[in-house]
C-alpha atoms as a PDB file:
ATOM      1  CA  ARG A   1     -12.883  -7.355  -4.090  1.00  0.00           C
ATOM      2  CA  PHE A   2     -15.416  -4.339  -3.073  1.00  0.00           C
ATOM      3  CA  PRO A   3     -13.597  -3.993   0.189  1.00  0.00           C
ATOM      4  CA  ARG A   4     -10.077  -3.487  -2.097  1.00  0.00           C
ATOM      5  CA  LEU A   5     -11.758  -0.661  -4.198  1.00  0.00           C
ATOM      6  CA  VAL A   6     -12.335   0.872  -1.549  1.00  0.00           C
ATOM      7  CA  ASP A   7      -9.066   0.749   0.390  1.00  0.00           C
ATOM      8  CA  ALA A   8      -7.376   1.624  -2.823  1.00  0.00           C
ATOM      9  CA  MET A   9     -10.037   4.957  -2.818  1.00  0.00           C
ATOM     10  CA  LEU A  10      -9.258   6.182   0.516  1.00  0.00           C
ATOM     11  CA  VAL A  11      -5.337   5.264  -0.240  1.00  0.00           C
ATOM     12  CA  GLY A  12      -5.627   7.525  -2.692  1.00  0.00           C
ATOM     13  CA  ALA A  13      -7.060  10.148  -1.211  1.00  0.00           C
ATOM     14  CA  ALA A  14      -4.813   9.812   1.748  1.00  0.00           C
ATOM     15  CA  LEU A  15      -2.097  10.184   0.188  1.00  0.00           C
ATOM     16  CA  ALA A  16      -3.149  13.691  -1.921  1.00  0.00           C
ATOM     17  CA  VAL A  17      -4.371  14.884   0.792  1.00  0.00           C
ATOM     18  CA  SER A  18      -0.844  14.292   2.361  1.00  0.00           C
ATOM     19  CA  GLY A  19       0.856  16.080  -0.735  1.00  0.00           C
ATOM     20  CA  ALA A  20      -1.486  19.041  -0.850  1.00  0.00           C
ATOM     21  CA  LEU A  21      -0.410  19.489   2.319  1.00  0.00           C
ATOM     22  CA  LEU A  22       3.463  19.690   1.991  1.00  0.00           C
ATOM     23  CA  GLN A  23       3.344  21.389  -1.162  1.00  0.00           C
ATOM     24  CA  GLY A  24       1.332  23.934   0.690  1.00  0.00           C
ATOM     25  CA  VAL A  25       3.443  24.340   4.198  1.00  0.00           C
ATOM     26  CA  THR A  26       6.532  24.162   2.179  1.00  0.00           C
ATOM     27  CA  ARG A  27       5.690  26.397  -1.062  1.00  0.00           C
ATOM     28  CA  ASN A  28       7.263  23.803  -2.928  1.00  0.00           C
ATOM     29  CA  PRO A  29       5.411  22.212  -5.878  1.00  0.00           C
ATOM     30  CA  LEU A  30       7.177  19.012  -5.886  1.00  0.00           C
ATOM     31  CA  ALA A  31       6.662  17.707  -2.424  1.00  0.00           C
ATOM     32  CA  ASP A  32       5.017  15.031  -1.569  1.00  0.00           C
ATOM     33  CA  PRO A  33       4.911  12.460   1.719  1.00  0.00           C
ATOM     34  CA  THR A  34       7.874   9.776   0.060  1.00  0.00           C
ATOM     35  CA  ILE A  35      10.180  12.821  -1.226  1.00  0.00           C
ATOM     36  CA  LEU A  36      10.015  14.074   2.543  1.00  0.00           C
ATOM     37  CA  GLY A  37      10.510  11.389   4.405  1.00  0.00           C
ATOM     38  CA  VAL A  38       7.386  11.056   6.293  1.00  0.00           C
ATOM     39  CA  THR A  39       5.862   7.621   4.301  1.00  0.00           C
ATOM     40  CA  ALA A  40       9.571   6.028   4.845  1.00  0.00           C
ATOM     41  CA  ALA A  41       9.006   6.852   8.515  1.00  0.00           C
ATOM     42  CA  ALA A  42       5.491   5.452   8.479  1.00  0.00           C
ATOM     43  CA  GLY A  43       7.091   2.165   6.504  1.00  0.00           C
ATOM     44  CA  LEU A  44      10.023   1.718   9.150  1.00  0.00           C
ATOM     45  CA  ALA A  45       7.491   1.340  11.833  1.00  0.00           C
ATOM     46  CA  SER A  46       5.219  -1.092   9.471  1.00  0.00           C
ATOM     47  CA  ALA A  47       8.216  -3.288   8.699  1.00  0.00           C
ATOM     48  CA  THR A  48       9.389  -3.272  12.038  1.00  0.00           C
ATOM     49  CA  VAL A  49       6.341  -4.431  13.854  1.00  0.00           C
ATOM     50  CA  ILE A  50       5.921  -6.890  10.792  1.00  0.00           C
ATOM     51  CA  VAL A  51       9.559  -8.716  10.864  1.00  0.00           C
ATOM     52  CA  ILE A  52       9.362  -8.872  14.868  1.00  0.00           C
ATOM     53  CA  ASP A  53       5.730 -10.935  14.574  1.00  0.00           C
ATOM     54  CA  PRO A  54       4.244 -11.235  10.689  1.00  0.00           C
ATOM     55  CA  ARG A  55       0.889 -12.560  12.376  1.00  0.00           C
ATOM     56  CA  VAL A  56       0.700  -9.182  14.063  1.00  0.00           C
ATOM     57  CA  PRO A  57      -2.691  -7.611  13.952  1.00  0.00           C
ATOM     58  CA  GLN A  58      -3.823  -4.868  11.040  1.00  0.00           C
ATOM     59  CA  TRP A  59      -5.544  -2.649  13.709  1.00  0.00           C
ATOM     60  CA  ALA A  60      -1.856  -2.997  15.137  1.00  0.00           C
ATOM     61  CA  ILE A  61      -0.141  -2.318  12.255  1.00  0.00           C
ATOM     62  CA  ALA A  62      -2.237   1.109  11.890  1.00  0.00           C
ATOM     63  CA  ALA A  63      -1.137   2.210  15.183  1.00  0.00           C
ATOM     64  CA  ALA A  64       2.487   1.449  14.809  1.00  0.00           C
ATOM     65  CA  CYS A  65       2.527   3.409  11.326  1.00  0.00           C
ATOM     66  CA  ALA A  66       0.512   6.353  12.511  1.00  0.00           C
ATOM     67  CA  ALA A  67       3.022   6.412  15.308  1.00  0.00           C
ATOM     68  CA  GLY A  68       6.089   6.136  13.101  1.00  0.00           C
ATOM     69  CA  GLY A  69       4.504   9.051  10.802  1.00  0.00           C
ATOM     70  CA  LEU A  70       4.052  11.467  13.847  1.00  0.00           C
ATOM     71  CA  ILE A  71       7.489  10.914  15.043  1.00  0.00           C
ATOM     72  CA  GLY A  72       8.844  11.102  11.092  1.00  0.00           C
ATOM     73  CA  ALA A  73       6.666  14.414  11.036  1.00  0.00           C
ATOM     74  CA  GLY A  74       8.197  15.663  14.727  1.00  0.00           C
ATOM     75  CA  VAL A  75      11.773  15.162  13.650  1.00  0.00           C
ATOM     76  CA  LEU A  76      11.626  16.611  10.549  1.00  0.00           C
ATOM     77  CA  PHE A  77      10.074  19.912  12.355  1.00  0.00           C
ATOM     78  CA  VAL A  78      12.997  19.396  14.686  1.00  0.00           C
ATOM     79  CA  ILE A  79      15.626  19.062  12.434  1.00  0.00           C
ATOM     80  CA  ALA A  80      14.117  22.187  10.047  1.00  0.00           C
ATOM     81  CA  TYR A  81      14.149  24.668  12.958  1.00  0.00           C
ATOM     82  CA  ARG A  82      16.335  26.966  13.836  1.00  0.00           C
ATOM     83  CA  GLY A  83      14.776  29.434  15.623  1.00  0.00           C
ATOM     84  CA  ALA A  84      11.846  29.285  13.217  1.00  0.00           C
ATOM     85  CA  VAL A  85      10.851  26.757  10.495  1.00  0.00           C
ATOM     86  CA  SER A  86      11.938  27.691   6.893  1.00  0.00           C
ATOM     87  CA  PRO A  87      10.370  25.965   3.955  1.00  0.00           C
ATOM     88  CA  VAL A  88      13.578  25.277   2.837  1.00  0.00           C
ATOM     89  CA  ARG A  89      15.310  23.532   5.277  1.00  0.00           C
ATOM     90  CA  LEU A  90      12.064  21.739   5.690  1.00  0.00           C
ATOM     91  CA  ALA A  91      12.527  20.226   2.146  1.00  0.00           C
ATOM     92  CA  LEU A  92      16.102  19.508   2.855  1.00  0.00           C
ATOM     93  CA  ALA A  93      15.490  18.265   5.824  1.00  0.00           C
ATOM     94  CA  GLY A  94      12.820  16.246   4.725  1.00  0.00           C
ATOM     95  CA  VAL A  95      14.692  14.714   1.608  1.00  0.00           C
ATOM     96  CA  ALA A  96      17.786  13.744   3.719  1.00  0.00           C
ATOM     97  CA  LEU A  97      14.973  11.367   6.170  1.00  0.00           C
ATOM     98  CA  SER A  98      13.771   9.926   3.116  1.00  0.00           C
ATOM     99  CA  ALA A  99      17.079   8.450   2.221  1.00  0.00           C
ATOM    100  CA  PHE A 100      17.865   7.767   6.233  1.00  0.00           C
ATOM    101  CA  PHE A 101      14.305   5.602   6.461  1.00  0.00           C
ATOM    102  CA  GLY A 102      14.619   4.036   3.540  1.00  0.00           C
ATOM    103  CA  ALA A 103      17.463   2.684   3.783  1.00  0.00           C
ATOM    104  CA  ALA A 104      17.034   0.846   7.129  1.00  0.00           C
ATOM    105  CA  ILE A 105      13.916   0.071   5.869  1.00  0.00           C
ATOM    106  CA  VAL A 106      15.951  -2.319   3.270  1.00  0.00           C
ATOM    107  CA  GLY A 107      18.295  -3.072   5.998  1.00  0.00           C
ATOM    108  CA  LEU A 108      15.923  -4.283   8.409  1.00  0.00           C
ATOM    109  CA  LEU A 109      14.203  -6.228   5.830  1.00  0.00           C
ATOM    110  CA  ALA A 110      16.972  -7.842   4.141  1.00  0.00           C
ATOM    111  CA  SER A 111      18.453  -9.145   7.699  1.00  0.00           C
ATOM    112  CA  SER A 112      15.042 -10.203   9.020  1.00  0.00           C
ATOM    113  CA  ARG A 113      13.460 -13.883   8.000  1.00  0.00           C
ATOM    114  CA  THR A 114      10.706 -11.892   6.443  1.00  0.00           C
ATOM    115  CA  PHE A 115       9.603 -13.772   2.819  1.00  0.00           C
ATOM    116  CA  LEU A 116      10.540 -12.074   0.173  1.00  0.00           C
ATOM    117  CA  GLN A 117       7.412 -11.270  -2.040  1.00  0.00           C
ATOM    118  CA  THR A 118       6.236  -9.727   1.096  1.00  0.00           C
ATOM    119  CA  SER A 119       9.248  -7.308   1.374  1.00  0.00           C
ATOM    120  CA  LEU A 120       8.687  -6.503  -2.001  1.00  0.00           C
ATOM    121  CA  GLY A 121       5.605  -6.430  -2.083  1.00  0.00           C
ATOM    122  CA  PHE A 122       5.331  -3.415   0.962  1.00  0.00           C
ATOM    123  CA  LEU A 123       8.134  -2.250  -0.839  1.00  0.00           C
ATOM    124  CA  ALA A 124       6.639  -1.751  -3.865  1.00  0.00           C
ATOM    125  CA  GLY A 125       3.201  -1.175  -2.319  1.00  0.00           C
ATOM    126  CA  GLY A 126      -0.103  -3.090  -3.518  1.00  0.00           C
ATOM    127  CA  LEU A 127      -3.546  -4.004  -1.772  1.00  0.00           C
ATOM    128  CA  TYR A 128      -2.872  -7.269  -3.016  1.00  0.00           C
ATOM    129  CA  GLY A 129      -5.390  -9.422   0.189  1.00  0.00           C
ATOM    130  CA  SER A 130      -6.807  -6.034   1.283  1.00  0.00           C
ATOM    131  CA  GLU A 131     -10.474  -6.465   3.476  1.00  0.00           C
ATOM    132  CA  TRP A 132     -12.627  -4.947   5.276  1.00  0.00           C
ATOM    133  CA  ARG A 133     -10.440  -4.644   8.491  1.00  0.00           C
ATOM    134  CA  ASP A 134      -7.866  -2.888   6.828  1.00  0.00           C
ATOM    135  CA  PHE A 135     -10.911  -0.385   6.083  1.00  0.00           C
ATOM    136  CA  ARG A 136     -11.752  -0.576  10.009  1.00  0.00           C
ATOM    137  CA  ALA A 137      -8.217   0.044  11.103  1.00  0.00           C
ATOM    138  CA  MET A 138      -7.599   2.948   8.845  1.00  0.00           C
ATOM    139  CA  LEU A 139     -10.848   5.109   9.482  1.00  0.00           C
ATOM    140  CA  PRO A 140     -10.525   6.094  12.991  1.00  0.00           C
ATOM    141  CA  TYR A 141      -7.805   8.348  11.834  1.00  0.00           C
ATOM    142  CA  LEU A 142      -8.587   9.152   8.426  1.00  0.00           C
ATOM    143  CA  VAL A 143     -12.113  10.615   9.338  1.00  0.00           C
ATOM    144  CA  PRO A 144      -9.978  13.199  12.064  1.00  0.00           C
ATOM    145  CA  GLY A 145      -7.321  13.796   9.339  1.00  0.00           C
ATOM    146  CA  PHE A 146      -9.199  14.577   6.606  1.00  0.00           C
ATOM    147  CA  ALA A 147     -11.183  16.970   9.097  1.00  0.00           C
ATOM    148  CA  ALA A 148      -8.549  18.586  10.389  1.00  0.00           C
ATOM    149  CA  ALA A 149      -7.204  18.799   7.031  1.00  0.00           C
ATOM    150  CA  ILE A 150     -10.169  20.791   5.984  1.00  0.00           C
ATOM    151  CA  LEU A 151      -9.345  23.005   8.990  1.00  0.00           C
ATOM    152  CA  LEU A 152      -6.316  24.194   8.761  1.00  0.00           C
ATOM    153  CA  SER A 153      -6.660  24.897   4.474  1.00  0.00           C
ATOM    154  CA  GLY A 154      -7.306  28.206   5.433  1.00  0.00           C
ATOM    155  CA  ARG A 155      -4.032  28.829   7.114  1.00  0.00           C
ATOM    156  CA  LEU A 156      -2.119  27.683   4.737  1.00  0.00           C
ATOM    157  CA  ASN A 157      -4.117  29.981   2.114  1.00  0.00           C
ATOM    158  CA  ILE A 158      -2.464  32.609   4.525  1.00  0.00           C
ATOM    159  CA  LEU A 159       0.845  31.015   4.851  1.00  0.00           C
ATOM    160  CA  ALA A 160       0.947  30.944   1.124  1.00  0.00           C
ATOM    161  CA  LEU A 161       1.583  34.868   1.741  1.00  0.00           C
ATOM    162  CA  GLY A 162       4.841  34.486   3.201  1.00  0.00           C
ATOM    163  CA  ASP A 163       5.769  34.151   6.687  1.00  0.00           C
ATOM    164  CA  ASP A 164       5.906  38.203   7.483  1.00  0.00           C
ATOM    165  CA  VAL A 165       2.346  38.693   6.635  1.00  0.00           C
ATOM    166  CA  ALA A 166       1.251  35.610   7.699  1.00  0.00           C
ATOM    167  CA  ALA A 167       2.197  36.128  11.618  1.00  0.00           C
ATOM    168  CA  GLY A 168       0.944  40.057  11.235  1.00  0.00           C
ATOM    169  CA  LEU A 169      -2.364  38.030  10.687  1.00  0.00           C
ATOM    170  CA  GLY A 170      -2.065  36.288  13.324  1.00  0.00           C
ATOM    171  CA  VAL A 171      -0.897  32.443  12.574  1.00  0.00           C
ATOM    172  CA  VAL A 172       1.649  31.335  14.490  1.00  0.00           C
ATOM    173  CA  THR A 173       3.443  30.024  11.511  1.00  0.00           C
ATOM    174  CA  ASP A 174       6.154  27.879  13.301  1.00  0.00           C
ATOM    175  CA  ARG A 175       2.978  26.465  15.533  1.00  0.00           C
ATOM    176  CA  THR A 176       0.874  25.811  11.825  1.00  0.00           C
ATOM    177  CA  ARG A 177       3.532  23.735  10.427  1.00  0.00           C
ATOM    178  CA  LEU A 178       3.771  21.666  13.070  1.00  0.00           C
ATOM    179  CA  ALA A 179      -0.073  20.692  12.970  1.00  0.00           C
ATOM    180  CA  ILE A 180       0.408  20.311   9.213  1.00  0.00           C
ATOM    181  CA  LEU A 181       3.074  17.695   9.912  1.00  0.00           C
ATOM    182  CA  ALA A 182       1.293  15.967  11.917  1.00  0.00           C
ATOM    183  CA  VAL A 183      -1.659  15.269  10.316  1.00  0.00           C
ATOM    184  CA  VAL A 184       0.241  14.817   7.095  1.00  0.00           C
ATOM    185  CA  GLY A 185       1.981  11.982   9.619  1.00  0.00           C
ATOM    186  CA  VAL A 186      -1.371  10.549  10.104  1.00  0.00           C
ATOM    187  CA  LEU A 187      -2.628  10.177   6.777  1.00  0.00           C
ATOM    188  CA  THR A 188       0.202   9.008   5.185  1.00  0.00           C
ATOM    189  CA  ALA A 189       0.930   6.324   8.091  1.00  0.00           C
ATOM    190  CA  MET A 190      -3.140   4.542   6.970  1.00  0.00           C
ATOM    191  CA  ALA A 191      -1.644   4.445   3.151  1.00  0.00           C
ATOM    192  CA  VAL A 192       1.947   3.089   4.253  1.00  0.00           C
ATOM    193  CA  ALA A 193      -0.204   0.610   6.988  1.00  0.00           C
ATOM    194  CA  THR A 194      -2.805  -0.477   3.957  1.00  0.00           C
ATOM    195  CA  ALA A 195      -0.822  -0.483   0.739  1.00  0.00           C
ATOM    196  CA  GLY A 196       2.821  -0.259   1.457  1.00  0.00           C
ATOM    197  CA  MET A 197       5.510   2.531   0.152  1.00  0.00           C
ATOM    198  CA  VAL A 198       2.993   4.067  -2.388  1.00  0.00           C
ATOM    199  CA  SER A 199       4.554   7.036  -4.060  1.00  0.00           C
ATOM    200  CA  PHE A 200       3.430   9.524  -6.566  1.00  0.00           C
ATOM    201  CA  VAL A 201      -0.009   9.876  -5.886  1.00  0.00           C
ATOM    202  CA  GLY A 202       0.836  12.664  -3.464  1.00  0.00           C
ATOM    203  CA  LEU A 203       2.654  14.653  -5.798  1.00  0.00           C
ATOM    204  CA  VAL A 204       0.686  14.584  -8.937  1.00  0.00           C
ATOM    205  CA  CYS A 205      -2.802  14.956  -7.329  1.00  0.00           C
ATOM    206  CA  PRO A 206      -2.306  18.713  -5.815  1.00  0.00           C
ATOM    207  CA  HIS A 207      -1.366  20.139  -9.085  1.00  0.00           C
ATOM    208  CA  LEU A 208      -4.044  18.048 -11.554  1.00  0.00           C
ATOM    209  CA  ALA A 209      -6.190  20.051  -8.401  1.00  0.00           C
ATOM    210  CA  ARG A 210      -4.751  22.892  -8.662  1.00  0.00           C
ATOM    211  CA  TYR A 211      -5.040  23.344 -12.249  1.00  0.00           C
ATOM    212  CA  THR A 212      -8.727  22.645 -11.679  1.00  0.00           C
ATOM    213  CA  VAL A 213      -9.917  24.299  -8.958  1.00  0.00           C
ATOM    214  CA  GLY A 214      -7.014  27.043  -8.450  1.00  0.00           C
ATOM    215  CA  SER A 215      -4.479  27.426  -5.675  1.00  0.00           C
ATOM    216  CA  ALA A 216      -6.837  28.135  -2.859  1.00  0.00           C
ATOM    217  CA  HIS A 217      -6.493  25.520  -0.313  1.00  0.00           C
ATOM    218  CA  ARG A 218     -10.597  25.102   1.202  1.00  0.00           C
ATOM    219  CA  ALA A 219     -10.984  24.027  -2.800  1.00  0.00           C
ATOM    220  CA  LEU A 220      -8.105  22.389  -3.259  1.00  0.00           C
ATOM    221  CA  ILE A 221      -7.740  19.992  -0.573  1.00  0.00           C
ATOM    222  CA  PRO A 222     -11.164  18.222  -1.347  1.00  0.00           C
ATOM    223  CA  VAL A 223     -10.246  18.155  -5.054  1.00  0.00           C
ATOM    224  CA  SER A 224      -7.171  16.858  -4.213  1.00  0.00           C
ATOM    225  CA  ALA A 225      -8.627  13.966  -2.172  1.00  0.00           C
ATOM    226  CA  LEU A 226     -11.114  13.412  -5.468  1.00  0.00           C
ATOM    227  CA  TYR A 227      -8.286  12.887  -7.505  1.00  0.00           C
ATOM    228  CA  GLY A 228      -6.405  10.764  -5.398  1.00  0.00           C
ATOM    229  CA  ALA A 229      -9.899   8.248  -4.786  1.00  0.00           C
ATOM    230  CA  LEU A 230      -9.902   8.375  -8.790  1.00  0.00           C
ATOM    231  CA  LEU A 231      -6.667   7.333  -8.905  1.00  0.00           C
ATOM    232  CA  GLY A 232      -6.827   4.497  -6.354  1.00  0.00           C
ATOM    233  CA  ARG A 233      -9.524   3.978  -8.612  1.00  0.00           C
ATOM    234  CA  ARG A 234      -7.596   3.029 -11.735  1.00  0.00           C
ATOM    235  CA  TRP A 235      -5.415   1.191  -9.278  1.00  0.00           C
ATOM    236  CA  CYS A 236      -7.619  -0.986  -8.649  1.00  0.00           C
ATOM    237  CA  PRO A 237      -9.608  -1.920 -11.688  1.00  0.00           C
ATOM    238  CA  LEU A 238     -12.707  -4.015 -10.514  1.00  0.00           C
ATOM    239  CA  PRO A 239     -13.847  -5.150 -13.760  1.00  0.00           C
ATOM    240  CA  SER A 240     -10.391  -6.007 -15.520  1.00  0.00           C
ATOM    241  CA  LEU A 241      -9.204  -8.923 -12.396  1.00  0.00           C
ATOM    242  CA  PRO A 242     -10.235 -12.183 -13.199  1.00  0.00           C
ATOM    243  CA  ARG A 243     -12.998 -13.262 -11.685  1.00  0.00           C
ATOM    244  CA  GLU A 244     -13.500 -14.948  -8.491  1.00  0.00           C
ATOM    245  CA  VAL A 245     -15.721 -17.895  -8.183  1.00  0.00           C
ATOM    246  CA  PRO A 246     -16.108 -18.634  -4.717  1.00  0.00           C
ATOM    247  CA  GLY A 247     -16.532 -21.916  -3.340  1.00  0.00           C
ATOM    248  CA  ILE A 248     -14.532 -23.976  -6.457  1.00  0.00           C
ATOM    249  CA  ARG A 249     -12.298 -26.844  -5.381  1.00  0.00           C
ATOM    250  CA  LEU A 250      -9.618 -28.382  -7.000  1.00  0.00           C
ATOM    251  CA  SER A 251     -10.148 -32.047  -6.339  1.00  0.00           C
ATOM    252  CA  ILE A 252      -7.026 -34.164  -7.344  1.00  0.00           C
ATOM    253  CA  GLN A 253      -7.650 -37.781  -6.742  1.00  0.00           C
ATOM    254  CA  GLY A 254      -4.944 -40.543  -7.059  1.00  0.00           C
ATOM    255  CA  LEU A 255      -3.115 -39.434  -9.916  1.00  0.00           C
ATOM    256  CA  SER A 256      -0.566 -41.527 -11.270  1.00  0.00           C
ATOM    257  CA  LEU A 257       1.557 -39.688 -13.976  1.00  0.00           C
ATOM    258  CA  GLY A 258       4.547 -41.484 -16.147  1.00  0.00           C
ATOM    259  CA  TYR A 259       6.352 -41.817 -19.163  1.00  0.00           C
ATOM    260  CA  GLY A 260       6.231 -44.895 -20.613  1.00  0.00           C
ATOM    261  CA  SER A 261       6.852 -47.695 -18.087  1.00  0.00           C
ATOM    262  CA  LEU A 262       8.748 -45.322 -15.183  1.00  0.00           C
ATOM    263  CA  THR A 263       6.308 -43.769 -13.045  1.00  0.00           C
ATOM    264  CA  ALA A 264       6.872 -40.442 -12.035  1.00  0.00           C
ATOM    265  CA  VAL A 265       3.552 -39.594  -9.894  1.00  0.00           C
ATOM    266  CA  ASP A 266       2.058 -42.824  -8.228  1.00  0.00           C
ATOM    267  CA  ASP A 267      -0.786 -42.334  -6.508  1.00  0.00           C
ATOM    268  CA  VAL A 268      -1.331 -38.540  -5.035  1.00  0.00           C
ATOM    269  CA  SER A 269      -3.976 -37.473  -3.477  1.00  0.00           C
ATOM    270  CA  PHE A 270      -5.840 -33.683  -2.661  1.00  0.00           C
ATOM    271  CA  ASP A 271      -7.901 -30.792  -2.463  1.00  0.00           C
ATOM    272  CA  ILE A 272      -7.186 -26.886  -3.058  1.00  0.00           C
ATOM    273  CA  GLU A 273      -9.229 -24.893  -2.230  1.00  0.00           C
ATOM    274  CA  SER A 274     -10.668 -21.333  -3.630  1.00  0.00           C
ATOM    275  CA  GLY A 275      -7.913 -18.800  -2.242  1.00  0.00           C
ATOM    276  CA  GLU A 276      -5.839 -21.243  -1.345  1.00  0.00           C
ATOM    277  CA  MET A 277      -1.717 -21.150  -2.046  1.00  0.00           C
ATOM    278  CA  VAL A 278       0.251 -24.219  -2.259  1.00  0.00           C
ATOM    279  CA  SER A 279       3.497 -25.009  -2.645  1.00  0.00           C
ATOM    280  CA  ILE A 280       5.309 -27.934  -4.947  1.00  0.00           C
ATOM    281  CA  VAL A 281       8.721 -28.835  -3.113  1.00  0.00           C
ATOM    282  CA  GLY A 282      11.079 -31.292  -3.978  1.00  0.00           C
ATOM    283  CA  PRO A 283      14.194 -32.547  -5.158  1.00  0.00           C
ATOM    284  CA  ASN A 284      15.166 -32.268  -9.253  1.00  0.00           C
ATOM    285  CA  GLY A 285      13.925 -35.860 -10.948  1.00  0.00           C
ATOM    286  CA  SER A 286      10.698 -36.167  -8.277  1.00  0.00           C
ATOM    287  CA  GLY A 287       7.648 -35.313 -10.480  1.00  0.00           C
ATOM    288  CA  LYS A 288       7.052 -32.437  -9.428  1.00  0.00           C
ATOM    289  CA  SER A 289       6.371 -30.708 -13.398  1.00  0.00           C
ATOM    290  CA  THR A 290       5.281 -33.749 -14.170  1.00  0.00           C
ATOM    291  CA  LEU A 291       2.400 -32.974 -11.540  1.00  0.00           C
ATOM    292  CA  LEU A 292       2.036 -29.563 -12.975  1.00  0.00           C
ATOM    293  CA  ARG A 293       1.553 -30.897 -16.779  1.00  0.00           C
ATOM    294  CA  GLY A 294      -0.843 -33.168 -15.129  1.00  0.00           C
ATOM    295  CA  LEU A 295      -3.042 -30.825 -13.577  1.00  0.00           C
ATOM    296  CA  ALA A 296      -2.530 -28.512 -16.515  1.00  0.00           C
ATOM    297  CA  ARG A 297      -4.499 -30.949 -18.606  1.00  0.00           C
ATOM    298  CA  LEU A 298      -1.419 -30.832 -20.874  1.00  0.00           C
ATOM    299  CA  GLN A 299      -0.150 -34.845 -19.804  1.00  0.00           C
ATOM    300  CA  ARG A 300      -2.778 -37.798 -19.568  1.00  0.00           C
ATOM    301  CA  PRO A 301      -2.895 -39.434 -16.530  1.00  0.00           C
ATOM    302  CA  THR A 302      -2.168 -43.611 -16.234  1.00  0.00           C
ATOM    303  CA  ARG A 303      -4.624 -43.688 -13.495  1.00  0.00           C
ATOM    304  CA  GLY A 304      -6.890 -41.344 -11.463  1.00  0.00           C
ATOM    305  CA  ARG A 305      -8.251 -38.041 -12.337  1.00  0.00           C
ATOM    306  CA  VAL A 306      -8.168 -34.220 -11.641  1.00  0.00           C
ATOM    307  CA  LEU A 307     -11.760 -32.261 -11.007  1.00  0.00           C
ATOM    308  CA  LEU A 308     -12.484 -28.563 -11.297  1.00  0.00           C
ATOM    309  CA  GLY A 309     -15.442 -28.483  -8.344  1.00  0.00           C
ATOM    310  CA  GLU A 310     -16.968 -31.579  -9.480  1.00  0.00           C
ATOM    311  CA  THR A 311     -16.601 -31.589 -13.637  1.00  0.00           C
ATOM    312  CA  ASP A 312     -13.290 -33.307 -14.664  1.00  0.00           C
ATOM    313  CA  ILE A 313     -11.011 -30.977 -16.275  1.00  0.00           C
ATOM    314  CA  ARG A 314     -10.392 -33.940 -19.507  1.00  0.00           C
ATOM    315  CA  SER A 315     -14.511 -32.586 -20.070  1.00  0.00           C
ATOM    316  CA  LEU A 316     -13.787 -28.864 -20.284  1.00  0.00           C
ATOM    317  CA  GLY A 317     -12.420 -26.636 -22.707  1.00  0.00           C
ATOM    318  CA  ALA A 318      -8.559 -25.301 -22.876  1.00  0.00           C
ATOM    319  CA  ARG A 319     -10.189 -21.828 -22.131  1.00  0.00           C
ATOM    320  CA  GLN A 320     -12.282 -22.998 -19.164  1.00  0.00           C
ATOM    321  CA  VAL A 321      -9.576 -25.065 -17.927  1.00  0.00           C
ATOM    322  CA  ALA A 322      -6.861 -21.879 -18.326  1.00  0.00           C
END
């Protein structure tokens, strides 16, 4: 579970920094990657790759999300550009793009053969099954992304004074906004590639950081990353997770179950290794529920046994069986 924790903290930090950058570049306290469509753009790229090949490696999903995030940020900039980029147009264009890309994701997943639980997990966001491969896929994008965010923080302080003042101080405002949107696209894309469509983190963490250290972006961005990582830590609390015991096998050996003279399950044998997921499929009356009752020790078998590791479950207490 340690890689899950590391991934959660990195995802939280990436979203928090993205939110701080967007709130600074739009001068809008409600801006975050989800509201401005960057999350949905990266999500559409990820969903497209997964639908085309459900077994695509994680590094390919990360690369697709990075491309999608950059394209989404570029489209946002182009739509908001009318001789110059207005923060108001940037926010309004982002809301429209978020709705468009979000509808495209739902339509793509609904029309595909992607397993429903996978689709719902992607749309809701989560870190189930997160491993070190996700960390390795994110790292080449997150390190330059965080570094660029720190380097651009000084220009964000000048942009906060207004475009006219910033231009008078030598800041090329449109080019700076484009660079910030590109950084946001990369950081958000890595969060989407690892955890799916996560929202809220990029909105609330910059406000917590602003309350702590003020509005100076040189301090605001690192503290936002810290709050995001802490929120990710709370999102993936290791102590409260069920204990995972590696190497424990559930072994069913010649199990038969019935009701009086009627045999519902006859001589069933199979093993389930730790971490495996097994589906029991069959028509009504085939004995599925009876088998589950036997595995849960709710019904006494007429023959055979069920072992948890090397121990017969009939010798275990109810709490241990649960």
